[in-house]
N, C-alpha and C. Protein backbone atom coordinates (compact mmCIF):
# COMPACT_ATOMS: atom_id res chain seq x y z
N MET A 1 0.87 -1.19 0.04
CA MET A 1 0.02 -0.06 0.09
C MET A 1 0.82 1.34 0.08
N LYS A 2 1.88 1.23 0.84
CA LYS A 2 2.91 2.44 0.91
C LYS A 2 3.57 2.55 -0.41
N THR A 3 3.82 1.47 -1.04
CA THR A 3 4.68 1.56 -2.23
C THR A 3 3.88 2.20 -3.31
N THR A 4 2.58 1.81 -3.35
CA THR A 4 1.54 2.40 -4.30
C THR A 4 1.34 3.75 -4.00
N LEU A 5 1.36 4.20 -2.83
CA LEU A 5 1.14 5.70 -2.50
C LEU A 5 2.36 6.53 -2.91
N LYS A 6 3.53 5.98 -2.85
CA LYS A 6 4.67 6.51 -3.17
C LYS A 6 4.77 6.72 -4.64
N LYS A 7 4.25 5.66 -5.41
CA LYS A 7 4.22 5.75 -6.93
C LYS A 7 3.37 6.76 -7.36
N LEU A 8 2.14 6.78 -6.68
CA LEU A 8 0.98 7.58 -7.06
C LEU A 8 1.53 9.17 -6.84
N SER A 9 2.25 9.37 -5.79
CA SER A 9 2.73 10.77 -5.41
C SER A 9 3.65 11.19 -6.53
N ARG A 10 4.62 10.26 -6.89
CA ARG A 10 5.46 10.62 -7.93
C ARG A 10 4.86 10.96 -9.30
N TYR A 11 3.83 10.17 -9.53
CA TYR A 11 3.05 10.38 -10.74
C TYR A 11 2.39 11.86 -10.67
N ILE A 12 1.79 12.16 -9.64
CA ILE A 12 1.21 13.40 -9.45
C ILE A 12 2.20 14.49 -9.53
N ALA A 13 3.29 14.44 -9.00
CA ALA A 13 4.44 15.37 -9.10
C ALA A 13 4.87 15.55 -10.62
N VAL A 14 4.83 14.35 -11.37
CA VAL A 14 5.14 14.56 -12.94
C VAL A 14 4.18 15.36 -13.51
N VAL A 15 2.84 14.95 -13.17
CA VAL A 15 1.81 15.68 -13.93
C VAL A 15 1.83 17.28 -13.68
N ILE A 16 2.06 17.65 -12.38
CA ILE A 16 2.11 19.10 -12.02
C ILE A 16 3.26 19.63 -12.72
N ALA A 17 4.45 18.95 -12.89
CA ALA A 17 5.57 19.59 -13.60
C ALA A 17 5.27 19.88 -14.99
N ILE A 18 4.60 18.89 -15.74
CA ILE A 18 4.18 19.05 -17.07
C ILE A 18 3.20 20.08 -17.16
N THR A 19 2.16 20.17 -16.26
CA THR A 19 1.17 21.31 -16.26
C THR A 19 1.83 22.56 -16.17
N LEU A 20 2.92 22.69 -15.40
CA LEU A 20 3.58 24.06 -15.09
C LEU A 20 4.35 24.48 -16.40
N ILE A 21 4.81 23.49 -17.12
CA ILE A 21 5.73 23.68 -18.31
C ILE A 21 4.72 24.31 -19.45
N PHE A 22 3.53 23.52 -19.52
CA PHE A 22 2.55 23.97 -20.53
C PHE A 22 1.85 25.40 -20.30
N ILE A 23 1.87 25.76 -19.05
CA ILE A 23 1.27 27.00 -18.64
C ILE A 23 2.13 28.20 -19.15
């Protein structure tokens, strides 16, 4: 469960980074 949460957190961070680049 913890590993999944960490993976999800990293995925969210990537999405935010891409969003900031496109803005």
